[in-house]
Amino acid sequence: MIETPENIIHEYIDFINRQVGVYMDALAGFAGHHTRVERQVYRVNQPVSSRFDNSGKRVVVYASYEDPTQPDIIHNCIIRAADYIAANSEGGLNEQQLSQAVLIFLFTYCK
């Protein structure tokens, strides 16, 4: 493809559109994490009798990218639930960090 100004602009617009897609997908993920952990915190803070299922087994609340029942699990991050919820809230740290990263991508984009 010949690098005309028009082609360069179209390529940059395509790049911007990809960044918007990634950003929106990430925001949906942050919202999902926020909701999931918020519900887990609510469940953990219930009276002790509600922390057990119908068969008497303890309800375990965890967030992990790996199966916590397997040996040698590596924790990428250990954080208080309230801080995790705040970071994944709308306008929270994760959204701010990602939006700043996208701006840097857009500013420094080149081939």
PDB file of N, CA and C in Angstrom:
ATOM      1  N   MET A   1       0.830  -1.167   0.000  1.00  0.00           N
ATOM      2  CA  MET A   1       0.000   0.000   0.000  1.00  0.00           C
ATOM      3  C   MET A   1       0.887   1.248   0.000  1.00  0.00           C
ATOM      4  N   ILE A   2       0.537   2.195  -0.796  1.00  0.00           N
ATOM      5  CA  ILE A   2       1.281   3.450  -0.897  1.00  0.00           C
ATOM      6  C   ILE A   2       0.928   4.320   0.313  1.00  0.00           C
ATOM      7  N   GLU A   3       1.947   4.897   0.934  1.00  0.00           N
ATOM      8  CA  GLU A   3       1.719   5.730   2.120  1.00  0.00           C
ATOM      9  C   GLU A   3       1.365   7.154   1.724  1.00  0.00           C
ATOM     10  N   THR A   4       0.126   7.337   1.383  1.00  0.00           N
ATOM     11  CA  THR A   4      -0.377   8.680   1.102  1.00  0.00           C
ATOM     12  C   THR A   4      -0.915   9.254   2.414  1.00  0.00           C
ATOM     13  N   PRO A   5      -1.051  10.557   2.513  1.00  0.00           N
ATOM     14  CA  PRO A   5      -1.628  11.139   3.729  1.00  0.00           C
ATOM     15  C   PRO A   5      -2.993  10.535   4.069  1.00  0.00           C
ATOM     16  N   GLU A   6      -3.791  10.280   3.025  1.00  0.00           N
ATOM     17  CA  GLU A   6      -5.116   9.692   3.248  1.00  0.00           C
ATOM     18  C   GLU A   6      -5.003   8.297   3.854  1.00  0.00           C
ATOM     19  N   ASN A   7      -4.084   7.462   3.343  1.00  0.00           N
ATOM     20  CA  ASN A   7      -3.889   6.111   3.876  1.00  0.00           C
ATOM     21  C   ASN A   7      -3.382   6.156   5.315  1.00  0.00           C
ATOM     22  N   ILE A   8      -2.491   7.081   5.599  1.00  0.00           N
ATOM     23  CA  ILE A   8      -1.956   7.215   6.957  1.00  0.00           C
ATOM     24  C   ILE A   8      -3.070   7.596   7.922  1.00  0.00           C
ATOM     25  N   ILE A   9      -3.918   8.517   7.508  1.00  0.00           N
ATOM     26  CA  ILE A   9      -5.038   8.941   8.359  1.00  0.00           C
ATOM     27  C   ILE A   9      -6.011   7.786   8.583  1.00  0.00           C
ATOM     28  N   HIS A  10      -6.315   7.037   7.530  1.00  0.00           N
ATOM     29  CA  HIS A  10      -7.219   5.893   7.666  1.00  0.00           C
ATOM     30  C   HIS A  10      -6.621   4.845   8.604  1.00  0.00           C
ATOM     31  N   GLU A  11      -5.343   4.600   8.485  1.00  0.00           N
ATOM     32  CA  GLU A  11      -4.676   3.633   9.344  1.00  0.00           C
ATOM     33  C   GLU A  11      -4.728   4.100  10.806  1.00  0.00           C
ATOM     34  N   TYR A  12      -4.520   5.380  11.025  1.00  0.00           N
ATOM     35  CA  TYR A  12      -4.566   5.920  12.384  1.00  0.00           C
ATOM     36  C   TYR A  12      -5.986   5.838  12.957  1.00  0.00           C
ATOM     37  N   ILE A  13      -6.980   6.105  12.141  1.00  0.00           N
ATOM     38  CA  ILE A  13      -8.376   5.984  12.585  1.00  0.00           C
ATOM     39  C   ILE A  13      -8.689   4.536  12.945  1.00  0.00           C
ATOM     40  N   ASP A  14      -8.207   3.587  12.165  1.00  0.00           N
ATOM     41  CA  ASP A  14      -8.392   2.172  12.487  1.00  0.00           C
ATOM     42  C   ASP A  14      -7.740   1.843  13.836  1.00  0.00           C
ATOM     43  N   PHE A  15      -6.548   2.386  14.069  1.00  0.00           N
ATOM     44  CA  PHE A  15      -5.851   2.179  15.331  1.00  0.00           C
ATOM     45  C   PHE A  15      -6.683   2.755  16.487  1.00  0.00           C
ATOM     46  N   ILE A  16      -7.207   3.948  16.319  1.00  0.00           N
ATOM     47  CA  ILE A  16      -8.036   4.570  17.358  1.00  0.00           C
ATOM     48  C   ILE A  16      -9.262   3.700  17.639  1.00  0.00           C
ATOM     49  N   ASN A  17      -9.900   3.208  16.596  1.00  0.00           N
ATOM     50  CA  ASN A  17     -11.075   2.359  16.777  1.00  0.00           C
ATOM     51  C   ASN A  17     -10.736   1.083  17.542  1.00  0.00           C
ATOM     52  N   ARG A  18      -9.578   0.495  17.282  1.00  0.00           N
ATOM     53  CA  ARG A  18      -9.148  -0.690  18.034  1.00  0.00           C
ATOM     54  C   ARG A  18      -8.933  -0.334  19.503  1.00  0.00           C
ATOM     55  N   GLN A  19      -8.346   0.819  19.777  1.00  0.00           N
ATOM     56  CA  GLN A  19      -8.117   1.246  21.161  1.00  0.00           C
ATOM     57  C   GLN A  19      -9.436   1.471  21.894  1.00  0.00           C
ATOM     58  N   VAL A  20     -10.401   2.046  21.202  1.00  0.00           N
ATOM     59  CA  VAL A  20     -11.723   2.255  21.807  1.00  0.00           C
ATOM     60  C   VAL A  20     -12.349   0.903  22.154  1.00  0.00           C
ATOM     61  N   GLY A  21     -12.231  -0.063  21.270  1.00  0.00           N
ATOM     62  CA  GLY A  21     -12.768  -1.399  21.533  1.00  0.00           C
ATOM     63  C   GLY A  21     -12.121  -2.045  22.744  1.00  0.00           C
ATOM     64  N   VAL A  22     -10.807  -1.977  22.830  1.00  0.00           N
ATOM     65  CA  VAL A  22     -10.093  -2.544  23.977  1.00  0.00           C
ATOM     66  C   VAL A  22     -10.518  -1.835  25.256  1.00  0.00           C
ATOM     67  N   TYR A  23     -10.599  -0.510  25.200  1.00  0.00           N
ATOM     68  CA  TYR A  23     -10.991   0.284  26.364  1.00  0.00           C
ATOM     69  C   TYR A  23     -12.385  -0.109  26.845  1.00  0.00           C
ATOM     70  N   MET A  24     -13.329  -0.226  25.928  1.00  0.00           N
ATOM     71  CA  MET A  24     -14.703  -0.567  26.302  1.00  0.00           C
ATOM     72  C   MET A  24     -14.779  -1.992  26.863  1.00  0.00           C
ATOM     73  N   ASP A  25     -14.030  -2.932  26.268  1.00  0.00           N
ATOM     74  CA  ASP A  25     -13.993  -4.292  26.796  1.00  0.00           C
ATOM     75  C   ASP A  25     -13.432  -4.305  28.209  1.00  0.00           C
ATOM     76  N   ALA A  26     -12.371  -3.532  28.432  1.00  0.00           N
ATOM     77  CA  ALA A  26     -11.761  -3.470  29.758  1.00  0.00           C
ATOM     78  C   ALA A  26     -12.725  -2.868  30.780  1.00  0.00           C
ATOM     79  N   LEU A  27     -13.449  -1.818  30.397  1.00  0.00           N
ATOM     80  CA  LEU A  27     -14.411  -1.219  31.320  1.00  0.00           C
ATOM     81  C   LEU A  27     -15.486  -2.231  31.716  1.00  0.00           C
ATOM     82  N   ALA A  28     -15.925  -3.028  30.761  1.00  0.00           N
ATOM     83  CA  ALA A  28     -16.912  -4.063  31.072  1.00  0.00           C
ATOM     84  C   ALA A  28     -16.321  -5.080  32.045  1.00  0.00           C
ATOM     85  N   GLY A  29     -15.053  -5.422  31.843  1.00  0.00           N
ATOM     86  CA  GLY A  29     -14.377  -6.335  32.767  1.00  0.00           C
ATOM     87  C   GLY A  29     -14.245  -5.743  34.156  1.00  0.00           C
ATOM     88  N   PHE A  30     -13.873  -4.464  34.239  1.00  0.00           N
ATOM     89  CA  PHE A  30     -13.766  -3.805  35.541  1.00  0.00           C
ATOM     90  C   PHE A  30     -15.116  -3.818  36.255  1.00  0.00           C
ATOM     91  N   ALA A  31     -16.179  -3.524  35.516  1.00  0.00           N
ATOM     92  CA  ALA A  31     -17.521  -3.510  36.117  1.00  0.00           C
ATOM     93  C   ALA A  31     -17.899  -4.903  36.619  1.00  0.00           C
ATOM     94  N   GLY A  32     -17.552  -5.925  35.848  1.00  0.00           N
ATOM     95  CA  GLY A  32     -17.828  -7.296  36.272  1.00  0.00           C
ATOM     96  C   GLY A  32     -17.068  -7.673  37.528  1.00  0.00           C
ATOM     97  N   HIS A  33     -15.776  -7.302  37.581  1.00  0.00           N
ATOM     98  CA  HIS A  33     -14.976  -7.568  38.779  1.00  0.00           C
ATOM     99  C   HIS A  33     -15.558  -6.841  39.976  1.00  0.00           C
ATOM    100  N   HIS A  34     -15.929  -5.581  39.779  1.00  0.00           N
ATOM    101  CA  HIS A  34     -16.499  -4.771  40.860  1.00  0.00           C
ATOM    102  C   HIS A  34     -17.735  -5.459  41.429  1.00  0.00           C
ATOM    103  N   THR A  35     -18.649  -5.849  40.559  1.00  0.00           N
ATOM    104  CA  THR A  35     -19.899  -6.470  40.991  1.00  0.00           C
ATOM    105  C   THR A  35     -19.646  -7.802  41.688  1.00  0.00           C
ATOM    106  N   ARG A  36     -18.785  -8.630  41.097  1.00  0.00           N
ATOM    107  CA  ARG A  36     -18.508  -9.958  41.667  1.00  0.00           C
ATOM    108  C   ARG A  36     -17.923  -9.839  43.063  1.00  0.00           C
ATOM    109  N   VAL A  37     -16.916  -8.997  43.236  1.00  0.00           N
ATOM    110  CA  VAL A  37     -16.269  -8.875  44.542  1.00  0.00           C
ATOM    111  C   VAL A  37     -17.195  -8.198  45.542  1.00  0.00           C
ATOM    112  N   GLU A  38     -17.953  -7.218  45.098  1.00  0.00           N
ATOM    113  CA  GLU A  38     -18.900  -6.553  45.999  1.00  0.00           C
ATOM    114  C   GLU A  38     -19.901  -7.563  46.550  1.00  0.00           C
ATOM    115  N   ARG A  39     -20.370  -8.463  45.702  1.00  0.00           N
ATOM    116  CA  ARG A  39     -21.305  -9.512  46.149  1.00  0.00           C
ATOM    117  C   ARG A  39     -20.623 -10.476  47.104  1.00  0.00           C
ATOM    118  N   GLN A  40     -19.366 -10.809  46.829  1.00  0.00           N
ATOM    119  CA  GLN A  40     -18.639 -11.711  47.717  1.00  0.00           C
ATOM    120  C   GLN A  40     -18.445 -11.067  49.092  1.00  0.00           C
ATOM    121  N   VAL A  41     -18.118  -9.786  49.119  1.00  0.00           N
ATOM    122  CA  VAL A  41     -17.945  -9.082  50.387  1.00  0.00           C
ATOM    123  C   VAL A  41     -19.250  -9.099  51.172  1.00  0.00           C
ATOM    124  N   TYR A  42     -20.357  -8.843  50.483  1.00  0.00           N
ATOM    125  CA  TYR A  42     -21.666  -8.873  51.137  1.00  0.00           C
ATOM    126  C   TYR A  42     -21.918 -10.250  51.743  1.00  0.00           C
ATOM    127  N   ARG A  43     -21.637 -11.299  50.989  1.00  0.00           N
ATOM    128  CA  ARG A  43     -21.881 -12.661  51.464  1.00  0.00           C
ATOM    129  C   ARG A  43     -20.992 -12.995  52.651  1.00  0.00           C
ATOM    130  N   VAL A  44     -19.734 -12.593  52.612  1.00  0.00           N
ATOM    131  CA  VAL A  44     -18.805 -12.884  53.706  1.00  0.00           C
ATOM    132  C   VAL A  44     -19.217 -12.147  54.982  1.00  0.00           C
ATOM    133  N   ASN A  45     -19.791 -10.967  54.828  1.00  0.00           N
ATOM    134  CA  ASN A  45     -20.182 -10.176  55.993  1.00  0.00           C
ATOM    135  C   ASN A  45     -21.528 -10.585  56.582  1.00  0.00           C
ATOM    136  N   GLN A  46     -22.168 -11.588  56.013  1.00  0.00           N
ATOM    137  CA  GLN A  46     -23.435 -12.090  56.552  1.00  0.00           C
ATOM    138  C   GLN A  46     -23.169 -12.811  57.876  1.00  0.00           C
ATOM    139  N   PRO A  47     -24.219 -13.027  58.667  1.00  0.00           N
ATOM    140  CA  PRO A  47     -24.042 -13.791  59.913  1.00  0.00           C
ATOM    141  C   PRO A  47     -23.393 -15.142  59.620  1.00  0.00           C
ATOM    142  N   VAL A  48     -22.686 -15.656  60.604  1.00  0.00           N
ATOM    143  CA  VAL A  48     -21.917 -16.888  60.431  1.00  0.00           C
ATOM    144  C   VAL A  48     -22.769 -18.030  59.898  1.00  0.00           C
ATOM    145  N   SER A  49     -24.017 -18.130  60.310  1.00  0.00           N
ATOM    146  CA  SER A  49     -24.868 -19.237  59.874  1.00  0.00           C
ATOM    147  C   SER A  49     -25.075 -19.248  58.363  1.00  0.00           C
ATOM    148  N   SER A  50     -24.981 -18.080  57.709  1.00  0.00           N
ATOM    149  CA  SER A  50     -25.200 -18.032  56.264  1.00  0.00           C
ATOM    150  C   SER A  50     -23.919 -18.290  55.480  1.00  0.00           C
ATOM    151  N   ARG A  51     -22.807 -18.514  56.160  1.00  0.00           N
ATOM    152  CA  ARG A  51     -21.540 -18.776  55.474  1.00  0.00           C
ATOM    153  C   ARG A  51     -21.376 -20.255  55.119  1.00  0.00           C
ATOM    154  N   PHE A  52     -22.417 -21.041  55.336  1.00  0.00           N
ATOM    155  CA  PHE A  52     -22.369 -22.457  55.039  1.00  0.00           C
ATOM    156  C   PHE A  52     -23.473 -22.794  54.050  1.00  0.00           C
ATOM    157  N   ASP A  53     -23.191 -23.740  53.145  1.00  0.00           N
ATOM    158  CA  ASP A  53     -24.219 -24.132  52.197  1.00  0.00           C
ATOM    159  C   ASP A  53     -25.159 -25.151  52.845  1.00  0.00           C
ATOM    160  N   ASN A  54     -26.100 -25.680  52.077  1.00  0.00           N
ATOM    161  CA  ASN A  54     -27.107 -26.596  52.627  1.00  0.00           C
ATOM    162  C   ASN A  54     -26.521 -27.882  53.172  1.00  0.00           C
ATOM    163  N   SER A  55     -25.346 -28.290  52.653  1.00  0.00           N
ATOM    164  CA  SER A  55     -24.738 -29.529  53.133  1.00  0.00           C
ATOM    165  C   SER A  55     -23.791 -29.281  54.302  1.00  0.00           C
ATOM    166  N   GLY A  56     -23.722 -28.026  54.776  1.00  0.00           N
ATOM    167  CA  GLY A  56     -22.865 -27.716  55.917  1.00  0.00           C
ATOM    168  C   GLY A  56     -21.437 -27.366  55.548  1.00  0.00           C
ATOM    169  N   LYS A  57     -21.142 -27.326  54.249  1.00  0.00           N
ATOM    170  CA  LYS A  57     -19.783 -26.965  53.821  1.00  0.00           C
ATOM    171  C   LYS A  57     -19.624 -25.452  53.848  1.00  0.00           C
ATOM    172  N   ARG A  58     -18.448 -25.013  54.249  1.00  0.00           N
ATOM    173  CA  ARG A  58     -18.161 -23.586  54.329  1.00  0.00           C
ATOM    174  C   ARG A  58     -18.103 -22.987  52.926  1.00  0.00           C
ATOM    175  N   VAL A  59     -18.728 -21.820  52.739  1.00  0.00           N
ATOM    176  CA  VAL A  59     -18.684 -21.107  51.476  1.00  0.00           C
ATOM    177  C   VAL A  59     -17.363 -20.343  51.431  1.00  0.00           C
ATOM    178  N   VAL A  60     -16.549 -20.627  50.430  1.00  0.00           N
ATOM    179  CA  VAL A  60     -15.253 -19.982  50.296  1.00  0.00           C
ATOM    180  C   VAL A  60     -15.348 -18.926  49.200  1.00  0.00           C
ATOM    181  N   VAL A  61     -14.939 -17.721  49.517  1.00  0.00           N
ATOM    182  CA  VAL A  61     -14.966 -16.618  48.568  1.00  0.00           C
ATOM    183  C   VAL A  61     -13.532 -16.318  48.158  1.00  0.00           C
ATOM    184  N   TYR A  62     -13.268 -16.317  46.851  1.00  0.00           N
ATOM    185  CA  TYR A  62     -11.931 -16.016  46.356  1.00  0.00           C
ATOM    186  C   TYR A  62     -12.019 -15.449  44.956  1.00  0.00           C
ATOM    187  N   ALA A  63     -10.988 -14.757  44.571  1.00  0.00           N
ATOM    188  CA  ALA A  63     -10.863 -14.285  43.195  1.00  0.00           C
ATOM    189  C   ALA A  63      -9.486 -14.711  42.728  1.00  0.00           C
ATOM    190  N   SER A  64      -9.429 -15.465  41.675  1.00  0.00           N
ATOM    191  CA  SER A  64      -8.143 -15.961  41.195  1.00  0.00           C
ATOM    192  C   SER A  64      -8.242 -16.266  39.712  1.00  0.00           C
ATOM    193  N   TYR A  65      -7.112 -16.108  39.028  1.00  0.00           N
ATOM    194  CA  TYR A  65      -7.051 -16.496  37.622  1.00  0.00           C
ATOM    195  C   TYR A  65      -6.687 -17.966  37.497  1.00  0.00           C
ATOM    196  N   GLU A  66      -6.274 -18.542  38.609  1.00  0.00           N
ATOM    197  CA  GLU A  66      -5.905 -19.951  38.633  1.00  0.00           C
ATOM    198  C   GLU A  66      -6.818 -20.677  39.609  1.00  0.00           C
ATOM    199  N   ASP A  67      -6.824 -21.988  39.522  1.00  0.00           N
ATOM    200  CA  ASP A  67      -7.637 -22.805  40.417  1.00  0.00           C
ATOM    201  C   ASP A  67      -6.968 -22.843  41.791  1.00  0.00           C
ATOM    202  N   PRO A  68      -7.576 -22.238  42.809  1.00  0.00           N
ATOM    203  CA  PRO A  68      -6.940 -22.179  44.122  1.00  0.00           C
ATOM    204  C   PRO A  68      -6.842 -23.519  44.833  1.00  0.00           C
ATOM    205  N   THR A  69      -7.501 -24.556  44.297  1.00  0.00           N
ATOM    206  CA  THR A  69      -7.396 -25.874  44.916  1.00  0.00           C
ATOM    207  C   THR A  69      -6.145 -26.620  44.466  1.00  0.00           C
ATOM    208  N   GLN A  70      -5.459 -26.069  43.470  1.00  0.00           N
ATOM    209  CA  GLN A  70      -4.250 -26.710  42.958  1.00  0.00           C
ATOM    210  C   GLN A  70      -3.021 -26.205  43.723  1.00  0.00           C
ATOM    211  N   PRO A  71      -1.955 -27.017  43.772  1.00  0.00           N
ATOM    212  CA  PRO A  71      -0.740 -26.576  44.476  1.00  0.00           C
ATOM    213  C   PRO A  71       0.006 -25.494  43.688  1.00  0.00           C
ATOM    214  N   ASP A  72       0.854 -24.771  44.362  1.00  0.00           N
ATOM    215  CA  ASP A  72       1.758 -23.782  43.765  1.00  0.00           C
ATOM    216  C   ASP A  72       1.032 -22.655  43.028  1.00  0.00           C
ATOM    217  N   ILE A  73      -0.032 -22.148  43.619  1.00  0.00           N
ATOM    218  CA  ILE A  73      -0.751 -21.020  43.037  1.00  0.00           C
ATOM    219  C   ILE A  73       0.019 -19.742  43.360  1.00  0.00           C
ATOM    220  N   ILE A  74       0.234 -18.911  42.368  1.00  0.00           N
ATOM    221  CA  ILE A  74       0.927 -17.639  42.558  1.00  0.00           C
ATOM    222  C   ILE A  74      -0.121 -16.531  42.579  1.00  0.00           C
ATOM    223  N   HIS A  75      -0.087 -15.723  43.634  1.00  0.00           N
ATOM    224  CA  HIS A  75      -0.988 -14.573  43.724  1.00  0.00           C
ATOM    225  C   HIS A  75      -0.306 -13.379  43.081  1.00  0.00           C
ATOM    226  N   ASN A  76      -0.944 -12.797  42.093  1.00  0.00           N
ATOM    227  CA  ASN A  76      -0.395 -11.611  41.442  1.00  0.00           C
ATOM    228  C   ASN A  76      -0.555 -10.382  42.303  1.00  0.00           C
ATOM    229  N   CYS A  77      -1.592 -10.366  43.107  1.00  0.00           N
ATOM    230  CA  CYS A  77      -1.890  -9.179  43.907  1.00  0.00           C
ATOM    231  C   CYS A  77      -2.708  -9.590  45.118  1.00  0.00           C
ATOM    232  N   ILE A  78      -2.376  -9.033  46.250  1.00  0.00           N
ATOM    233  CA  ILE A  78      -3.185  -9.210  47.448  1.00  0.00           C
ATOM    234  C   ILE A  78      -3.638  -7.813  47.844  1.00  0.00           C
ATOM    235  N   ILE A  79      -4.957  -7.618  47.932  1.00  0.00           N
ATOM    236  CA  ILE A  79      -5.512  -6.284  48.141  1.00  0.00           C
ATOM    237  C   ILE A  79      -6.771  -6.387  48.988  1.00  0.00           C
ATOM    238  N   ARG A  80      -7.041  -5.374  49.790  1.00  0.00           N
ATOM    239  CA  ARG A  80      -8.282  -5.335  50.568  1.00  0.00           C
ATOM    240  C   ARG A  80      -9.460  -5.268  49.612  1.00  0.00           C
ATOM    241  N   ALA A  81     -10.544  -5.908  49.983  1.00  0.00           N
ATOM    242  CA  ALA A  81     -11.727  -5.941  49.118  1.00  0.00           C
ATOM    243  C   ALA A  81     -12.220  -4.537  48.807  1.00  0.00           C
ATOM    244  N   ALA A  82     -12.237  -3.653  49.805  1.00  0.00           N
ATOM    245  CA  ALA A  82     -12.722  -2.281  49.575  1.00  0.00           C
ATOM    246  C   ALA A  82     -11.847  -1.552  48.551  1.00  0.00           C
ATOM    247  N   ASP A  83     -10.534  -1.770  48.609  1.00  0.00           N
ATOM    248  CA  ASP A  83      -9.625  -1.134  47.646  1.00  0.00           C
ATOM    249  C   ASP A  83      -9.815  -1.718  46.255  1.00  0.00           C
ATOM    250  N   TYR A  84     -10.049  -3.041  46.192  1.00  0.00           N
ATOM    251  CA  TYR A  84     -10.279  -3.710  44.905  1.00  0.00           C
ATOM    252  C   TYR A  84     -11.558  -3.190  44.262  1.00  0.00           C
ATOM    253  N   ILE A  85     -12.605  -3.060  45.079  1.00  0.00           N
ATOM    254  CA  ILE A  85     -13.882  -2.547  44.569  1.00  0.00           C
ATOM    255  C   ILE A  85     -13.714  -1.116  44.079  1.00  0.00           C
ATOM    256  N   ALA A  86     -13.004  -0.298  44.853  1.00  0.00           N
ATOM    257  CA  ALA A  86     -12.777   1.102  44.455  1.00  0.00           C
ATOM    258  C   ALA A  86     -11.993   1.185  43.150  1.00  0.00           C
ATOM    259  N   ALA A  87     -10.952   0.368  42.999  1.00  0.00           N
ATOM    260  CA  ALA A  87     -10.132   0.397  41.783  1.00  0.00           C
ATOM    261  C   ALA A  87     -10.927  -0.003  40.551  1.00  0.00           C
ATOM    262  N   ASN A  88     -11.900  -0.889  40.728  1.00  0.00           N
ATOM    263  CA  ASN A  88     -12.706  -1.370  39.607  1.00  0.00           C
ATOM    264  C   ASN A  88     -14.013  -0.615  39.438  1.00  0.00           C
ATOM    265  N   SER A  89     -14.246   0.409  40.261  1.00  0.00           N
ATOM    266  CA  SER A  89     -15.448   1.227  40.146  1.00  0.00           C
ATOM    267  C   SER A  89     -15.345   2.147  38.935  1.00  0.00           C
ATOM    268  N   GLU A  90     -16.495   2.655  38.502  1.00  0.00           N
ATOM    269  CA  GLU A  90     -16.512   3.627  37.413  1.00  0.00           C
ATOM    270  C   GLU A  90     -15.686   4.841  37.841  1.00  0.00           C
ATOM    271  N   GLY A  91     -14.718   5.210  37.032  1.00  0.00           N
ATOM    272  CA  GLY A  91     -13.830   6.324  37.351  1.00  0.00           C
ATOM    273  C   GLY A  91     -12.723   5.959  38.326  1.00  0.00           C
ATOM    274  N   GLY A  92     -12.620   4.679  38.678  1.00  0.00           N
ATOM    275  CA  GLY A  92     -11.607   4.217  39.629  1.00  0.00           C
ATOM    276  C   GLY A  92     -10.220   4.134  39.003  1.00  0.00           C
ATOM    277  N   LEU A  93      -9.266   3.683  39.798  1.00  0.00           N
ATOM    278  CA  LEU A  93      -7.864   3.627  39.384  1.00  0.00           C
ATOM    279  C   LEU A  93      -7.668   2.839  38.088  1.00  0.00           C
ATOM    280  N   ASN A  94      -8.306   1.693  37.948  1.00  0.00           N
ATOM    281  CA  ASN A  94      -8.104   0.895  36.732  1.00  0.00           C
ATOM    282  C   ASN A  94      -8.573   1.631  35.481  1.00  0.00           C
ATOM    283  N   GLU A  95      -9.730   2.272  35.569  1.00  0.00           N
ATOM    284  CA  GLU A  95     -10.232   3.035  34.424  1.00  0.00           C
ATOM    285  C   GLU A  95      -9.298   4.203  34.114  1.00  0.00           C
ATOM    286  N   GLN A  96      -8.840   4.891  35.149  1.00  0.00           N
ATOM    287  CA  GLN A  96      -7.926   6.018  34.946  1.00  0.00           C
ATOM    288  C   GLN A  96      -6.619   5.565  34.305  1.00  0.00           C
ATOM    289  N   GLN A  97      -6.039   4.471  34.821  1.00  0.00           N
ATOM    290  CA  GLN A  97      -4.781   3.969  34.276  1.00  0.00           C
ATOM    291  C   GLN A  97      -4.941   3.570  32.813  1.00  0.00           C
ATOM    292  N   LEU A  98      -6.020   2.879  32.503  1.00  0.00           N
ATOM    293  CA  LEU A  98      -6.233   2.438  31.130  1.00  0.00           C
ATOM    294  C   LEU A  98      -6.451   3.615  30.193  1.00  0.00           C
ATOM    295  N   SER A  99      -7.243   4.599  30.616  1.00  0.00           N
ATOM    296  CA  SER A  99      -7.484   5.753  29.742  1.00  0.00           C
ATOM    297  C   SER A  99      -6.184   6.522  29.506  1.00  0.00           C
ATOM    298  N   GLN A 100      -5.338   6.628  30.530  1.00  0.00           N
ATOM    299  CA  GLN A 100      -4.041   7.291  30.353  1.00  0.00           C
ATOM    300  C   GLN A 100      -3.151   6.495  29.396  1.00  0.00           C
ATOM    301  N   ALA A 101      -3.177   5.187  29.516  1.00  0.00           N
ATOM    302  CA  ALA A 101      -2.378   4.347  28.615  1.00  0.00           C
ATOM    303  C   ALA A 101      -2.846   4.497  27.169  1.00  0.00           C
ATOM    304  N   VAL A 102      -4.162   4.532  26.966  1.00  0.00           N
ATOM    305  CA  VAL A 102      -4.697   4.700  25.602  1.00  0.00           C
ATOM    306  C   VAL A 102      -4.252   6.039  25.029  1.00  0.00           C
ATOM    307  N   LEU A 103      -4.298   7.088  25.839  1.00  0.00           N
ATOM    308  CA  LEU A 103      -3.838   8.399  25.358  1.00  0.00           C
ATOM    309  C   LEU A 103      -2.370   8.356  24.948  1.00  0.00           C
ATOM    310  N   ILE A 104      -1.560   7.676  25.719  1.00  0.00           N
ATOM    311  CA  ILE A 104      -0.135   7.541  25.366  1.00  0.00           C
ATOM    312  C   ILE A 104       0.009   6.747  24.066  1.00  0.00           C
ATOM    313  N   PHE A 105      -0.761   5.659  23.932  1.00  0.00           N
ATOM    314  CA  PHE A 105      -0.736   4.884  22.684  1.00  0.00           C
ATOM    315  C   PHE A 105      -1.065   5.771  21.493  1.00  0.00           C
ATOM    316  N   LEU A 106      -2.113   6.566  21.638  1.00  0.00           N
ATOM    317  CA  LEU A 106      -2.543   7.417  20.531  1.00  0.00           C
ATOM    318  C   LEU A 106      -1.483   8.475  20.198  1.00  0.00           C
ATOM    319  N   PHE A 107      -0.856   8.988  21.212  1.00  0.00           N
ATOM    320  CA  PHE A 107       0.151  10.048  21.010  1.00  0.00           C
ATOM    321  C   PHE A 107       1.426   9.501  20.379  1.00  0.00           C
ATOM    322  N   THR A 108       1.820   8.293  20.761  1.00  0.00           N
ATOM    323  CA  THR A 108       3.104   7.745  20.303  1.00  0.00           C
ATOM    324  C   THR A 108       2.983   6.777  19.137  1.00  0.00           C
ATOM    325  N   TYR A 109       1.784   6.565  18.623  1.00  0.00           N
ATOM    326  CA  TYR A 109       1.571   5.595  17.551  1.00  0.00           C
ATOM    327  C   TYR A 109       2.419   5.916  16.340  1.00  0.00           C
ATOM    328  N   CYS A 110       3.133   4.929  15.886  1.00  0.00           N
ATOM    329  CA  CYS A 110       3.887   5.057  14.623  1.00  0.00           C
ATOM    330  C   CYS A 110       4.211   3.653  14.137  1.00  0.00           C
ATOM    331  N   LYS A 111       4.570   3.540  12.899  1.00  0.00           N
ATOM    332  CA  LYS A 111       4.935   2.240  12.312  1.00  0.00           C
ATOM    333  C   LYS A 111       6.409   2.180  12.086  1.00  0.00           C
TER     334      LYS A 111
END
